[in-house]
């Protein structure tokens, strides 16, 4: 028998009319199955729309918080610092505590998302489970009450209700991020968990139908004649793949393969889910906003890329050696892209680069943090023209392919499309805070410079502001942790420029004969480093600074540095940090402790801002 794709004639919605008489049921039983939360003919309103309302309410709440925090930031930047934190300052610190605080399972090397993300995910889980399990019965006590089990029906509609938001959380041009002031990569945790909850409800939707069909001896015949069954199973297969292959230990290790198969599996899943819904009630209405959100985000990316890059931007790829003997010991590459004035970016942002003349790699784009400030910024005019520099480690996939292009040659010319920029530090400019701390941590791997590519342009932008006398910040400190002395040699000119304008620079080199455990916690330190120890600060010439500059040996005590920073400054303090998981764990929880002190009204500083960048994608 030929398979049917859709029930014909195809309509947008199915009928809500039901029989006025049901054999074998009493009037009370008829009224019961037609009551709210149990009526099959209004279940899309009861469960699908309720799910949509829940997600919209959460996004609206975050929008309100974003507006309040932005208005507060603008207000505090124009008013003198008070002696103690205000009520709004303390409430802000309490919210920021959840954004900073993090947990870990040391035995498994697992680091959780921030507490705020865990609260959001837990809220989603509680809502979904309460909606699935809150109404009884789960199965009809009589077959005459219906062939669709209540728990299966409601779970299906909850899945459909989650779908638009699951897709919206995933896009690079992210409309939820625009509303909430959050960069797209920080919303990926909600994309993955909403997809997981959608998968759970899909299983709850599927199994009761299979169990009942087997129990009644109808499974084989139903599979042959009912398109709902086979389209549902075909949709469930790629959905299973999408969920299990997206776990971090698989995704991060095989990212290039994961990315290509992820899109292919997602396409198969969406097509067969569309066929499975088969215009039941208003099920197709959930696909149109999903498609609109994704296509609009995709088209914005395409048009912006073509506008900024036209037929491709010329770029120069070169090997960036870091050892004194000239060998490429750290396996780093530098990509310098010549950009027209219309390409604009700010320090701390990242872009997606597509290499046009690199064979199969031209079909995918790759994220890189921008390691330079716009050329116009040096003169105080941020017009975005000049050279966009990307510095990255050679690992696997595209970076290994790029390394092969420059092997044995000084440089290689390529053409690229640039999509972006994205991310960056939200709110006011770092230079408007009273004190700024830039923290960059290396892992002891060839990717030591990855973290620096985020913090370095922030540092150079502050140097530019100091030279133009537009810097309001009273204290700037740059803390860098690297593996060897050689791995920081390439930063000599930039660090010297920072020292020349009066910034504090602390470079900590981990000794090569110490344990390979890269955790920076206090229990791993042989001594506590005072915030002022080994700081190099001078107002002399650049040459004099270079001669006097020398990194200190040993890991810094990050909690002590952060705590002293909060105790030493009574105004506003901003921290921007990037590094491996252990490094960020110490930074986050030290900041969380300080936020608690501010929320309690005992903090010395009244405004502590933390921005973190992902060490790996």
Protein backbone atom coordinates (compact mmCIF):
# COMPACT_ATOMS: atom_id res chain seq x y z
CA UNK A 1 0.00 0.00 0.00
CA UNK A 2 1.39 3.40 -0.99
CA UNK A 3 2.27 5.77 1.80
CA UNK A 4 0.21 8.94 2.11
CA UNK A 5 1.99 12.18 2.89
CA UNK A 6 -0.97 14.28 3.98
CA UNK A 7 -4.65 13.77 4.53
CA UNK A 8 -6.53 15.13 1.53
CA UNK A 9 -8.07 17.49 0.86
CA UNK A 10 -5.38 19.55 2.58
CA UNK A 11 -6.71 22.31 4.85
CA UNK A 12 -5.11 24.84 7.21
CA UNK A 13 -7.07 23.63 10.25
CA UNK A 14 -9.12 20.58 11.08
CA UNK A 15 -12.70 20.76 12.33
CA UNK A 16 -13.57 21.28 16.00
CA UNK A 17 -17.01 19.68 15.66
CA UNK A 18 -17.68 16.57 17.72
CA UNK A 19 -20.52 14.09 17.94
CA UNK A 20 -23.38 15.09 20.24
CA UNK A 21 -23.95 11.47 21.23
CA UNK A 22 -21.37 8.91 22.28
CA UNK A 23 -22.44 5.30 22.69
CA UNK A 24 -21.80 3.77 26.10
CA UNK A 25 -21.05 7.04 27.90
CA UNK A 26 -23.17 8.76 30.49
CA UNK A 27 -23.92 12.47 30.32
CA UNK A 28 -21.45 13.06 33.14
CA UNK A 29 -18.70 11.22 31.26
CA UNK A 30 -19.44 13.19 28.09
CA UNK A 31 -19.23 16.44 30.06
CA UNK A 32 -15.99 15.24 31.66
CA UNK A 33 -14.16 14.57 28.40
CA UNK A 34 -15.34 17.93 27.04
CA UNK A 35 -14.11 19.88 30.08
CA UNK A 36 -11.16 22.28 29.96
CA UNK A 37 -7.69 20.64 29.83
CA UNK A 38 -9.31 17.36 28.70
CA UNK A 39 -11.25 18.33 25.58
CA UNK A 40 -9.42 17.00 22.53
CA UNK A 41 -11.01 19.70 20.34
CA UNK A 42 -9.56 22.58 22.37
CA UNK A 43 -6.35 20.95 23.53
CA UNK A 44 -4.27 23.18 21.24
CA UNK A 45 -5.58 26.24 23.09
CA UNK A 46 -5.18 24.66 26.52
CA UNK A 47 -1.65 23.33 26.10
CA UNK A 48 -0.04 24.72 22.95
CA UNK A 49 -1.00 28.34 23.61
CA UNK A 50 -0.25 27.99 27.34
CA UNK A 51 3.28 26.88 26.46
CA UNK A 52 3.71 29.85 24.14
CA UNK A 53 2.41 32.19 26.85
CA UNK A 54 4.92 30.81 29.36
CA UNK A 55 7.92 31.44 27.10
CA UNK A 56 6.63 34.88 26.10
CA UNK A 57 6.18 35.80 29.77
CA UNK A 58 9.76 34.74 30.54
CA UNK A 59 11.16 36.77 27.64
CA UNK A 60 9.01 39.78 28.65
CA UNK A 61 10.36 39.60 32.20
CA UNK A 62 13.95 39.56 30.95
CA UNK A 63 13.12 42.48 28.64
CA UNK A 64 11.89 44.50 31.62
CA UNK A 65 15.06 43.70 33.59
CA UNK A 66 17.20 44.65 30.59
CA UNK A 67 15.47 48.03 30.28
CA UNK A 68 15.78 48.71 34.02
CA UNK A 69 19.48 47.82 34.09
CA UNK A 70 20.24 49.94 31.03
CA UNK A 71 18.41 52.94 32.47
CA UNK A 72 20.20 52.44 35.77
CA UNK A 73 23.57 52.24 33.99
CA UNK A 74 22.86 55.48 32.12
CA UNK A 75 21.65 57.21 35.27
CA UNK A 76 24.59 56.17 37.44
CA UNK A 77 27.10 57.28 34.80
CA UNK A 78 25.81 60.88 35.07
CA UNK A 79 25.49 61.08 38.85
CA UNK A 80 28.24 61.20 41.50
CA UNK A 81 29.03 58.06 43.47
CA UNK A 82 27.25 57.78 46.80
CA UNK A 83 28.84 56.46 49.96
CA UNK A 84 26.86 53.22 49.97
CA UNK A 85 24.88 51.10 47.50
CA UNK A 86 21.29 52.15 46.92
CA UNK A 87 18.32 49.77 46.95
CA UNK A 88 18.50 49.49 43.17
CA UNK A 89 22.24 48.83 43.38
CA UNK A 90 21.62 46.02 45.86
CA UNK A 91 18.84 44.50 43.74
CA UNK A 92 21.10 44.68 40.69
CA UNK A 93 23.88 42.94 42.61
CA UNK A 94 21.47 40.19 43.68
CA UNK A 95 20.52 39.56 40.03
CA UNK A 96 24.15 39.69 38.95
CA UNK A 97 25.00 37.12 41.62
CA UNK A 98 22.91 34.57 39.72
CA UNK A 99 24.62 35.53 36.46
CA UNK A 100 28.10 35.08 37.96
CA UNK A 101 27.71 32.08 40.27
CA UNK A 102 28.72 28.70 38.85
CA UNK A 103 28.96 25.09 40.02
CA UNK A 104 31.19 22.20 39.05
CA UNK A 105 31.65 18.47 39.49
CA UNK A 106 35.42 18.28 39.88
CA UNK A 107 35.61 14.49 39.59
CA UNK A 108 34.04 14.63 36.10
CA UNK A 109 35.60 17.92 35.01
CA UNK A 110 32.10 19.34 34.44
CA UNK A 111 31.29 23.02 34.83
CA UNK A 112 27.69 24.16 34.95
CA UNK A 113 26.19 27.13 33.15
CA UNK A 114 25.73 30.22 35.35
CA UNK A 115 23.14 29.98 38.12
CA UNK A 116 20.82 32.31 36.20
CA UNK A 117 20.76 29.87 33.28
CA UNK A 118 20.17 26.95 35.66
CA UNK A 119 17.21 28.81 37.18
CA UNK A 120 15.80 29.44 33.72
CA UNK A 121 16.24 25.81 32.66
CA UNK A 122 14.76 24.58 35.96
CA UNK A 123 11.78 26.87 35.45
CA UNK A 124 11.23 25.44 31.97
CA UNK A 125 11.46 21.89 33.30
CA UNK A 126 9.03 22.49 36.18
CA UNK A 127 6.53 24.18 33.87
CA UNK A 128 6.67 21.44 31.23
CA UNK A 129 6.39 18.59 33.74
CA UNK A 130 3.56 20.31 35.62
CA UNK A 131 1.66 20.84 32.39
CA UNK A 132 2.20 17.23 31.29
CA UNK A 133 1.41 15.58 34.62
CA UNK A 134 -0.91 18.07 36.31
CA UNK A 135 -4.22 16.93 34.85
CA UNK A 136 -5.77 13.49 35.34
CA UNK A 137 -6.49 11.05 33.87
CA UNK A 138 -3.47 10.13 31.80
CA UNK A 139 -5.42 7.40 29.96
CA UNK A 140 -9.17 7.26 29.29
CA UNK A 141 -10.87 4.69 31.54
CA UNK A 142 -13.14 3.72 28.62
CA UNK A 143 -12.22 3.21 24.98
CA UNK A 144 -15.36 5.09 23.96
CA UNK A 145 -13.93 8.27 25.46
CA UNK A 146 -11.38 8.54 22.67
CA UNK A 147 -8.50 6.88 20.86
CA UNK A 148 -5.99 9.59 21.77
CA UNK A 149 -4.74 9.23 25.33
CA UNK A 150 -4.86 12.54 27.26
CA UNK A 151 -1.20 12.46 28.32
CA UNK A 152 -0.10 11.71 24.76
CA UNK A 153 -2.28 14.44 23.27
CA UNK A 154 -1.21 17.19 25.65
CA UNK A 155 2.47 16.23 25.34
CA UNK A 156 2.29 16.59 21.58
CA UNK A 157 0.89 20.10 21.83
CA UNK A 158 3.45 21.12 24.42
CA UNK A 159 6.17 19.94 22.01
CA UNK A 160 4.70 22.05 19.21
CA UNK A 161 4.44 25.04 21.56
CA UNK A 162 8.15 24.77 22.47
CA UNK A 163 9.27 24.53 18.83
CA UNK A 164 9.28 28.25 17.79
CA UNK A 165 11.31 29.22 20.85
CA UNK A 166 13.72 26.33 20.46
CA UNK A 167 14.55 27.64 16.98
CA UNK A 168 14.57 31.29 18.07
CA UNK A 169 17.18 30.55 20.74
CA UNK A 170 19.53 29.07 18.12
CA UNK A 171 19.91 31.82 15.50
CA UNK A 172 22.97 34.07 15.17
CA UNK A 173 20.83 37.12 14.48
CA UNK A 174 18.86 36.49 17.63
CA UNK A 175 15.64 38.41 18.23
CA UNK A 176 15.35 37.14 21.80
CA UNK A 177 18.90 38.34 22.40
CA UNK A 178 18.04 41.77 21.01
CA UNK A 179 15.17 42.07 23.48
CA UNK A 180 17.02 40.75 26.50
CA UNK A 181 20.45 42.26 25.82
CA UNK A 182 22.12 38.85 25.52
CA UNK A 183 24.49 37.70 22.80
CA UNK A 184 23.43 34.70 20.74
CA UNK A 185 26.11 32.30 22.05
CA UNK A 186 24.90 32.74 25.64
CA UNK A 187 21.40 31.65 24.57
CA UNK A 188 22.62 28.33 23.19
CA UNK A 189 22.11 26.70 26.59
CA UNK A 190 18.38 27.47 26.29
CA UNK A 191 18.31 26.20 22.72
CA UNK A 192 19.78 22.87 23.80
CA UNK A 193 17.59 22.44 26.87
CA UNK A 194 14.35 23.51 25.18
CA UNK A 195 15.20 20.97 22.46
CA UNK A 196 15.71 18.36 25.19
CA UNK A 197 12.35 19.16 26.80
CA UNK A 198 10.69 19.03 23.40
CA UNK A 199 12.25 15.61 22.90
CA UNK A 200 10.99 14.38 26.30
CA UNK A 201 7.45 15.50 25.55
CA UNK A 202 7.72 13.93 22.09
CA UNK A 203 8.57 10.59 23.70
CA UNK A 204 5.67 10.96 26.15
CA UNK A 205 3.49 11.68 23.13
CA UNK A 206 4.75 8.67 21.17
CA UNK A 207 4.94 5.74 23.58
CA UNK A 208 1.29 5.65 24.75
CA UNK A 209 0.10 5.29 21.15
CA UNK A 210 2.51 2.44 20.49
CA UNK A 211 1.68 0.69 23.78
CA UNK A 212 -2.08 0.91 23.21
CA UNK A 213 -1.81 -0.25 19.59
CA UNK A 214 0.26 -3.27 20.62
CA UNK A 215 -2.13 -4.01 23.49
CA UNK A 216 -5.09 -4.03 21.11
CA UNK A 217 -3.21 -6.01 18.44
CA UNK A 218 -3.49 -3.16 15.94
CA UNK A 219 0.12 -2.07 15.58
CA UNK A 220 0.91 -3.71 12.23
CA UNK A 221 -2.29 -2.61 10.57
CA UNK A 222 -2.05 0.89 12.00
CA UNK A 223 1.51 1.24 10.78
CA UNK A 224 0.43 0.31 7.28
CA UNK A 225 -2.64 2.52 7.08
CA UNK A 226 -2.13 5.51 9.40
CA UNK A 227 0.31 8.17 8.20
CA UNK A 228 0.45 9.69 11.70
CA UNK A 229 2.43 6.70 12.98
CA UNK A 230 5.13 6.43 10.37
CA UNK A 231 5.68 10.18 9.96
CA UNK A 232 5.93 10.50 13.74
CA UNK A 233 8.54 7.75 14.01
CA UNK A 234 10.54 9.12 11.08
CA UNK A 235 10.55 12.55 12.76
CA UNK A 236 11.61 11.03 16.09
CA UNK A 237 14.74 9.38 14.64
CA UNK A 238 16.57 12.61 13.61
CA UNK A 239 15.25 14.31 16.75
CA UNK A 240 16.98 11.64 18.83
CA UNK A 241 20.17 12.20 16.89
CA UNK A 242 19.95 15.98 17.33
CA UNK A 243 19.54 15.77 21.10
CA UNK A 244 22.20 13.17 21.91
CA UNK A 245 24.84 14.44 19.48
CA UNK A 246 24.49 17.96 20.91
CA UNK A 247 25.94 17.11 24.31
CA UNK A 248 29.13 19.07 24.95
CA UNK A 249 31.65 16.23 25.05
CA UNK A 250 30.54 15.12 21.57
CA UNK A 251 29.77 18.52 20.05
CA UNK A 252 33.07 20.14 21.10
CA UNK A 253 35.26 17.24 20.02
CA UNK A 254 33.70 16.76 16.58
CA UNK A 255 32.33 20.26 15.99
CA UNK A 256 32.93 20.43 12.21
CA UNK A 257 31.12 17.13 11.60
CA UNK A 258 28.48 17.92 14.19
CA UNK A 259 27.62 21.24 12.57
CA UNK A 260 27.03 19.79 9.09
CA UNK A 261 25.00 16.80 10.28
CA UNK A 262 23.06 18.96 12.72
CA UNK A 263 21.57 21.09 9.95
CA UNK A 264 20.79 18.04 7.79
CA UNK A 265 19.08 16.20 10.65
CA UNK A 266 17.16 19.33 11.66
CA UNK A 267 15.79 19.69 8.13
CA UNK A 268 14.59 16.07 8.04
CA UNK A 269 13.06 16.45 11.49
CA UNK A 270 11.12 19.62 10.66
CA UNK A 271 9.79 18.25 7.36
CA UNK A 272 8.45 15.04 8.86
CA UNK A 273 7.13 16.81 11.94
CA UNK A 274 5.18 19.07 9.59
CA UNK A 275 3.78 16.02 7.80
CA UNK A 276 3.04 14.33 11.12
CA UNK A 277 0.94 17.26 12.35
CA UNK A 278 -1.10 16.99 9.13
CA UNK A 279 -3.11 20.20 9.73
CA UNK A 280 -4.57 18.83 12.98
CA UNK A 281 -6.49 21.67 14.61
CA UNK A 282 -4.06 24.66 14.59
CA UNK A 283 -0.83 22.63 14.56
CA UNK A 284 0.48 24.19 11.36
CA UNK A 285 0.08 27.67 12.86
CA UNK A 286 3.16 26.98 15.00
CA UNK A 287 5.30 26.28 11.94
CA UNK A 288 4.75 29.63 10.26
CA UNK A 289 6.29 31.81 13.00
CA UNK A 290 9.08 29.25 13.37
CA UNK A 291 9.84 29.49 9.66
CA UNK A 292 9.50 33.29 9.70
CA UNK A 293 11.93 33.69 12.62
CA UNK A 294 14.53 31.42 11.09
CA UNK A 295 14.28 32.77 7.55
CA UNK A 296 14.35 36.40 8.68
CA UNK A 297 17.44 35.77 10.81
CA UNK A 298 19.06 33.88 7.92
CA UNK A 299 18.28 36.58 5.35
CA UNK A 300 19.57 39.34 7.62
CA UNK A 301 22.85 37.44 7.91
CA UNK A 302 23.07 36.93 4.14
CA UNK A 303 22.24 40.53 3.21
CA UNK A 304 24.57 41.97 5.85
CA UNK A 305 27.39 39.67 4.74
CA UNK A 306 26.95 40.64 1.09
CA UNK A 307 26.67 44.33 2.00
CA UNK A 308 29.85 44.27 4.07
CA UNK A 309 31.86 41.83 1.98
CA UNK A 310 30.44 42.12 -1.56
CA UNK A 311 32.20 39.44 -3.63
CA UNK A 312 34.76 38.85 -0.92
CA UNK A 313 37.29 40.82 1.09
CA UNK A 314 41.05 40.43 0.53
CA UNK A 315 42.83 38.89 3.49
CA UNK A 316 46.34 37.82 4.39
CA UNK A 317 46.97 34.63 6.35
CA UNK A 318 50.28 34.22 8.13
CA UNK A 319 51.84 32.04 10.76
CA UNK A 320 52.33 33.87 14.03
CA UNK A 321 55.45 32.52 15.77
CA UNK A 322 55.88 33.09 19.43
CA UNK A 323 59.17 31.45 20.35
CA UNK A 324 62.51 33.21 20.43
CA UNK A 325 64.14 30.68 18.13
CA UNK A 326 61.61 31.44 15.40
CA UNK A 327 59.80 28.13 15.54
CA UNK A 328 56.06 28.06 15.56
CA UNK A 329 55.88 26.39 18.94
CA UNK A 330 52.40 27.59 19.72
CA UNK A 331 50.91 26.87 16.27
CA UNK A 332 49.13 30.18 15.93
CA UNK A 333 47.73 31.85 12.82
CA UNK A 334 46.90 35.47 12.14
CA UNK A 335 44.30 36.48 9.56
CA UNK A 336 44.31 40.15 8.55
CA UNK A 337 41.22 41.23 6.58
CA UNK A 338 41.15 44.50 4.66
CA UNK A 339 37.79 46.08 5.46
CA UNK A 340 35.92 48.98 3.84
CA UNK A 341 34.51 51.82 5.99
CA UNK A 342 31.08 50.21 6.15
CA UNK A 343 32.43 47.27 8.16
CA UNK A 344 32.24 48.36 11.80
CA UNK A 345 33.03 46.57 15.02
CA UNK A 346 33.77 47.30 18.65
CA UNK A 347 36.33 45.66 20.97
CA UNK A 348 35.29 42.28 22.32
CA UNK A 349 33.08 41.29 19.40
CA UNK A 350 33.40 38.21 17.17
CA UNK A 351 32.69 37.46 13.53
CA UNK A 352 31.94 34.42 11.39
CA UNK A 353 34.35 34.00 8.48
CA UNK A 354 33.67 32.03 5.31
CA UNK A 355 36.76 31.22 3.19
CA UNK A 356 35.62 31.50 -0.42
CA UNK A 357 38.50 29.69 -2.11
CA UNK A 358 38.92 26.86 0.36
CA UNK A 359 36.95 24.08 -1.31
CA UNK A 360 34.31 22.36 0.80
CA UNK A 361 35.05 24.72 3.72
CA UNK A 362 33.51 27.55 1.70
CA UNK A 363 30.09 26.10 2.53
CA UNK A 364 30.43 26.79 6.24
CA UNK A 365 31.38 29.80 8.35
CA UNK A 366 33.60 29.74 11.42
CA UNK A 367 33.61 31.97 14.53
CA UNK A 368 36.66 34.05 15.48
CA UNK A 369 37.12 36.75 18.10
CA UNK A 370 38.30 40.09 16.67
CA UNK A 371 41.78 40.85 18.03
CA UNK A 372 42.06 44.45 16.78
CA UNK A 373 40.33 47.79 17.18
CA UNK A 374 39.17 49.78 14.14
CA UNK A 375 41.94 51.89 12.68
CA UNK A 376 39.85 55.04 13.09
CA UNK A 377 39.63 54.34 16.82
CA UNK A 378 43.28 55.19 17.24
CA UNK A 379 42.47 58.76 16.32
CA UNK A 380 39.27 58.78 18.33
CA UNK A 381 37.04 58.23 15.30
CA UNK A 382 35.40 54.81 15.34
CA UNK A 383 34.53 54.63 11.65
CA UNK A 384 35.30 50.93 11.37
CA UNK A 385 37.73 51.16 8.42
CA UNK A 386 41.09 49.47 8.32
CA UNK A 387 42.26 46.00 9.20
CA UNK A 388 40.25 43.39 11.03
CA UNK A 389 42.72 41.03 12.69
CA UNK A 390 41.94 37.51 13.91
CA UNK A 391 44.44 35.48 15.92
CA UNK A 392 43.64 31.82 16.55
CA UNK A 393 45.22 28.50 17.45
CA UNK A 394 45.70 25.60 15.06
CA UNK A 395 43.68 22.67 16.34
CA UNK A 396 41.68 20.70 13.79
CA UNK A 397 39.21 21.10 10.96
CA UNK A 398 39.35 24.51 9.30
CA UNK A 399 42.32 25.78 11.33
CA UNK A 400 44.40 22.76 10.36
CA UNK A 401 43.50 23.35 6.72
CA UNK A 402 44.54 27.00 7.01
CA UNK A 403 47.82 26.04 8.64
CA UNK A 404 48.59 23.89 5.61
CA UNK A 405 48.17 26.90 3.32
CA UNK A 406 50.94 28.91 5.00
CA UNK A 407 53.31 26.06 5.77
CA UNK A 408 56.73 26.93 4.42
CA UNK A 409 55.72 30.42 3.29
CA UNK A 410 55.53 33.82 5.01
CA UNK A 411 51.92 34.53 4.08
CA UNK A 412 49.02 33.45 1.88
CA UNK A 413 46.40 35.68 0.24
CA UNK A 414 42.79 34.53 0.55
CA UNK A 415 39.34 36.00 0.04
CA UNK A 416 36.69 35.83 2.72
CA UNK A 417 33.14 36.76 3.55
CA UNK A 418 32.65 38.29 6.99
CA UNK A 419 29.38 37.79 8.84
CA UNK A 420 28.98 40.03 11.86
CA UNK A 421 30.10 41.37 14.15
CA UNK A 422 28.25 39.75 17.05
CA UNK A 423 28.44 39.89 20.81
CA UNK A 424 30.56 42.43 22.60
CA UNK A 425 30.15 44.03 25.99
CA UNK A 426 26.58 45.30 26.55
CA UNK A 427 25.71 48.55 28.26
CA UNK A 428 28.08 51.45 28.70
CA UNK A 429 31.68 51.65 27.53
CA UNK A 430 34.23 50.07 29.85
CA UNK A 431 36.05 53.39 30.05
CA UNK A 432 33.07 54.91 31.88
CA UNK A 433 33.56 52.67 34.92
CA UNK A 434 35.74 53.89 37.77
CA UNK A 435 37.98 50.80 37.60
CA UNK A 436 38.46 48.13 34.94
CA UNK A 437 40.10 44.71 35.28
CA UNK A 438 40.84 42.62 32.20
CA UNK A 439 41.57 38.97 32.99
CA UNK A 440 42.96 36.55 30.41
CA UNK A 441 43.87 32.96 31.24
CA UNK A 442 45.77 30.42 29.17
CA UNK A 443 45.25 26.70 29.47
CA UNK A 444 48.82 25.58 28.91
CA UNK A 445 47.82 24.44 25.42
CA UNK A 446 48.73 25.99 22.04
CA UNK A 447 45.61 28.14 22.37
CA UNK A 448 47.06 30.46 25.04
CA UNK A 449 46.40 33.42 22.79
CA UNK A 450 42.71 32.69 22.22
CA UNK A 451 41.75 34.35 25.49
CA UNK A 452 44.05 37.31 24.76
CA UNK A 453 42.34 37.97 21.43
CA UNK A 454 39.24 38.95 23.42
CA UNK A 455 40.86 41.06 26.15
CA UNK A 456 43.62 42.68 24.07
CA UNK A 457 41.36 44.89 21.90
CA UNK A 458 39.55 45.97 25.07
CA UNK A 459 42.91 46.99 26.55
CA UNK A 460 44.01 48.84 23.41
CA UNK A 461 40.70 50.68 23.22
CA UNK A 462 41.25 51.91 26.77
CA UNK A 463 44.80 52.94 25.80
CA UNK A 464 43.36 54.89 22.89
CA UNK A 465 40.91 56.65 25.20
CA UNK A 466 43.71 57.47 27.66
CA UNK A 467 45.86 58.98 24.91
CA UNK A 468 42.97 61.13 23.70
CA UNK A 469 42.16 62.21 27.29
CA UNK A 470 38.62 60.82 26.98
CA UNK A 471 39.10 58.03 29.53
CA UNK A 472 36.99 58.49 32.66
CA UNK A 473 38.34 55.35 34.31
CA UNK A 474 40.74 55.94 37.21
CA UNK A 475 42.36 52.50 37.32
CA UNK A 476 42.94 49.85 34.65
CA UNK A 477 44.62 46.52 35.36
CA UNK A 478 45.43 43.81 32.85
CA UNK A 479 46.08 40.32 34.25
CA UNK A 480 47.45 37.71 31.85
CA UNK A 481 48.25 34.07 32.57
CA UNK A 482 50.36 32.28 29.96
CA UNK A 483 52.31 29.06 29.68
CA UNK A 484 55.78 30.36 28.84
CA UNK A 485 57.70 33.62 28.60
CA UNK A 486 57.88 33.16 24.83
CA UNK A 487 54.12 32.96 24.47
CA UNK A 488 53.72 36.57 25.67
CA UNK A 489 56.62 38.04 23.69
CA UNK A 490 54.31 39.01 20.81
CA UNK A 491 52.36 41.24 23.24
CA UNK A 492 55.37 43.33 24.19
CA UNK A 493 54.41 46.44 22.20
CA UNK A 494 50.77 46.41 23.36
CA UNK A 495 51.66 45.87 27.02
CA UNK A 496 54.31 48.55 26.84
CA UNK A 497 51.76 50.98 25.45
CA UNK A 498 49.39 50.16 28.31
CA UNK A 499 52.12 50.69 30.91
CA UNK A 500 53.14 53.94 29.27
CA UNK A 501 49.70 55.50 29.89
CA UNK A 502 49.74 54.40 33.52
CA UNK A 503 47.84 51.11 33.41
CA UNK A 504 48.81 48.25 35.72
CA UNK A 505 49.96 45.11 33.90
CA UNK A 506 50.37 41.75 35.63
CA UNK A 507 51.72 38.87 33.55
CA UNK A 508 51.92 35.46 35.24
CA UNK A 509 53.81 32.64 33.55
CA UNK A 510 53.13 29.11 34.77
CA UNK A 511 56.31 27.10 35.19
CA UNK A 512 56.65 24.23 32.76
CA UNK A 513 57.70 21.73 35.42
CA UNK A 514 54.60 22.17 37.57
CA UNK A 515 51.54 19.96 37.56
CA UNK A 516 49.53 19.92 34.35
CA UNK A 517 46.34 20.57 36.32
CA UNK A 518 45.25 23.96 35.00
CA UNK A 519 42.98 24.86 37.90
CA UNK A 520 43.60 28.31 39.30
CA UNK A 521 41.84 27.91 42.64
CA UNK A 522 43.40 29.05 45.88
CA UNK A 523 44.07 25.53 47.10
CA UNK A 524 46.45 25.03 44.15
CA UNK A 525 48.56 28.08 44.96
CA UNK A 526 51.83 27.89 46.87
CA UNK A 527 51.39 31.48 47.99
CA UNK A 528 48.86 34.27 47.85
CA UNK A 529 49.73 36.97 45.37
CA UNK A 530 48.89 40.43 46.59
CA UNK A 531 47.12 42.51 43.94
CA UNK A 532 50.08 44.85 43.82
CA UNK A 533 52.82 42.20 43.71
CA UNK A 534 54.81 41.94 40.49
CA UNK A 535 52.77 44.74 38.90
CA UNK A 536 54.84 46.68 36.39
CA UNK A 537 53.86 50.33 36.11
CA UNK A 538 55.80 53.20 34.64
CA UNK A 539 55.30 56.50 32.91
CA UNK A 540 58.62 56.35 31.11
CA UNK A 541 59.27 55.79 27.43
CA UNK A 542 58.19 52.64 25.65
CA UNK A 543 61.79 51.47 25.31
CA UNK A 544 62.40 51.91 29.02
CA UNK A 545 59.24 50.01 29.83
CA UNK A 546 60.25 47.14 27.55
CA UNK A 547 63.58 46.83 29.28
CA UNK A 548 62.02 46.76 32.74
CA UNK A 549 59.12 44.52 31.91
CA UNK A 550 59.33 40.97 33.13
CA UNK A 551 56.58 38.39 33.75
CA UNK A 552 56.21 36.86 37.21
CA UNK A 553 56.25 33.09 37.72
CA UNK A 554 53.28 31.29 39.21
CA UNK A 555 49.53 31.34 38.96
CA UNK A 556 47.69 34.42 40.22
CA UNK A 557 45.22 34.17 43.08
CA UNK A 558 42.20 35.37 41.17
CA UNK A 559 39.76 35.45 44.11
CA UNK A 560 42.19 37.64 46.08
CA UNK A 561 42.71 39.97 43.11
CA UNK A 562 38.97 40.37 42.60
CA UNK A 563 38.17 40.79 46.28
CA UNK A 564 40.86 43.45 46.71
CA UNK A 565 39.59 45.20 43.58
CA UNK A 566 36.10 45.45 45.08
CA UNK A 567 37.45 46.59 48.46
CA UNK A 568 39.82 49.19 47.02
CA UNK A 569 37.27 51.06 44.89
CA UNK A 570 34.10 52.71 46.18
CA UNK A 571 32.54 53.45 42.81
CA UNK A 572 31.93 51.14 39.86
CA UNK A 573 34.14 48.23 38.86
CA UNK A 574 34.02 46.32 35.57
CA UNK A 575 35.67 42.97 34.89
CA UNK A 576 36.04 41.33 31.49
CA UNK A 577 37.41 37.79 31.55
CA UNK A 578 38.20 34.97 29.17
CA UNK A 579 39.93 31.68 29.81
CA UNK A 580 39.53 27.93 30.31
CA UNK A 581 36.76 26.53 32.48
CA UNK A 582 38.79 26.38 35.69
CA UNK A 583 39.96 29.96 35.25
CA UNK A 584 36.41 31.21 34.68
CA UNK A 585 35.10 29.17 37.61
CA UNK A 586 37.37 31.07 40.00
CA UNK A 587 36.54 34.43 38.42
CA UNK A 588 32.80 33.86 38.42
CA UNK A 589 32.52 32.70 42.01
CA UNK A 590 34.82 35.41 43.33
CA UNK A 591 32.61 37.98 41.62
CA UNK A 592 29.50 36.24 42.99
CA UNK A 593 30.87 36.58 46.54
CA UNK A 594 31.41 40.30 45.97
CA UNK A 595 27.89 40.68 44.55
CA UNK A 596 26.48 39.13 47.72
CA UNK A 597 28.40 41.69 49.80
CA UNK A 598 26.94 44.53 47.71
CA UNK A 599 23.43 43.06 47.95
CA UNK A 600 23.81 42.84 51.73
CA UNK A 601 24.79 46.52 51.82
CA UNK A 602 28.34 45.88 53.05
CA UNK A 603 30.21 46.09 49.76
CA UNK A 604 32.79 48.83 49.30
CA UNK A 605 32.00 49.26 45.61
CA UNK A 606 28.39 49.79 44.66
CA UNK A 607 28.44 48.54 41.06
CA UNK A 608 30.30 45.41 39.98
CA UNK A 609 29.91 44.36 36.34
CA UNK A 610 31.23 41.09 34.89
CA UNK A 611 31.40 40.11 31.23
CA UNK A 612 32.76 36.72 30.21
CA UNK A 613 33.69 35.29 26.86
CA UNK A 614 33.53 31.60 25.97
CA UNK A 615 36.98 30.03 25.75
CA UNK A 616 35.80 27.44 23.25
CA UNK A 617 32.85 27.58 20.89
